[in-house]
Amino acid sequence: MRVVPRRNKGRRQAEDTAPPPPPPAATPDRPLTWPPPPTPLLSPSEQSAPPEQAPTDAAPEQGARPEGATAPMPSVSPERGLPPGRGAPGHGEPVPFGRGGAVPSPAEALGQDDLGRAPTEPVPGPTLIPEPEAGPKAQPPGPARAVGFSLHERAETEPVRGPERTTALLQTPEVPEADRRRRARAEQRRRAAAETKRSRAARRQGLEYRERPVPEPVRAADQHRSALVIMVLTLGLLIAAVAVTGGMIASSMRTQPVTLAAPLHVYPVTQATPGQCPAGTPGITGQAATGVTCYRLAQGIAIHKVADLRVQKSRGTSSGYDVALTLRPVDRHAFARLTGATVGRDLAFVVRDRLVTLPRVDMPIRDGKVVVTGSPTRAAAKTLVRELKGR
């Protein structure tokens, strides 16, 4: 089937009515390349040459195209040859192209049969831009630039493309008001739980954690509480200082030496015999469980002053009372040496030639604290104290 395009009314036909040459032999389809090769620009000689001087002996060589390549589309130029028997077209006449024309059609340039245009249709090829009129200071003309097809003509020659792929924008679904409020409440609860957790962790570490600014009343209360604590601590320190001072004063008053009216003699006992002591014998007669006994004595010490002297209840199993003495440092060392030399023997405490007690030494006494036992009642212990003090 062959489609013949409808010719426009009033279009002038070509003067040459010679039959067109036979179409070229069919050639295999050549691979299409896109975009097509650029149209060559017109040289200055082609711009300035008038149509009347175009040679007519050169015929287009359509059959000499190389095989396997796309032939470039020739530009419309007066210098191109026309087929024999035709002259140059006059002003306003269309240039024949296609089958038998001077210019091959785009289909023939691509190696295909031209079925679309008649030989007398105008070539939708590049047009020349007229040069501006030369002025007094006109620049030398440069090479003319070819203007490509218009949008409509280019759209007819371009292959049909598919729709371009674009990234579709997904619309964000609107969140209902109830869901938004529920999410806000959940976020608020989560933040409150995190705040509570951090506060507890800080309190466990002994640190005060406050993220929000402290209000003025709370700050004033904290300052008042701090001042109160400082005042209580200061008052406690004052009371402690007064108590310590009073204790030191009382201790100094108690540690004042007590002068004994009758010195306290301490002798080691060397021998005990029943009966009275003979005259001139270094000893003392005392009452024992077996009766009157004579206790022979060795060299001892005499205590004239003591640091403390008081009556106390016996600490042993007996229900009697004792007289406690605290020796001074000078007598303490002498008493420690004496007790150290008489371990396992008896010591005789004598006041005014009267035997007061006769204790046994189990170990050396180095702290200077002596307890005189043997008083069955509190009155007897006080009597001994009065004898020692002399009042």
Foldseek 3Di string as FASTA:
>chain_A
DFDDDDDDPPADDAPDPDDFDDDDDADDQADDDPPADDADFDFPVQVPDDLVPADAPAADDLPPDDPRDQADFHADTSNQYADPPDGRDDPPFAFFEDGRTSGHANQSSRRHHDRYDGRRDHHQAWDWDDDDDDDPDRDPDDTTDTDGGDPVVVVVPDDDDDDDDDDDDDDDDDDDPVVVVVVVVVVVVVVVVVVVVVCVVCVVVVHHDDDDDDDPVVVVVVVVVVVVVVVVVVVVVVVVVVVVVVVVVVLVVLQDKQFWPWWKKKWFFDDKAPDADDPPAQWAWDADPVGIITTHTDDTDIAGIFRHWDKAADPDPAGAIKIKTAHDPVVLVRQQVVLQVQAQGWMFIDTPRYTQDIDHRNHGDRRRMDIRDDGRYPVSNVVVVCNGNVD
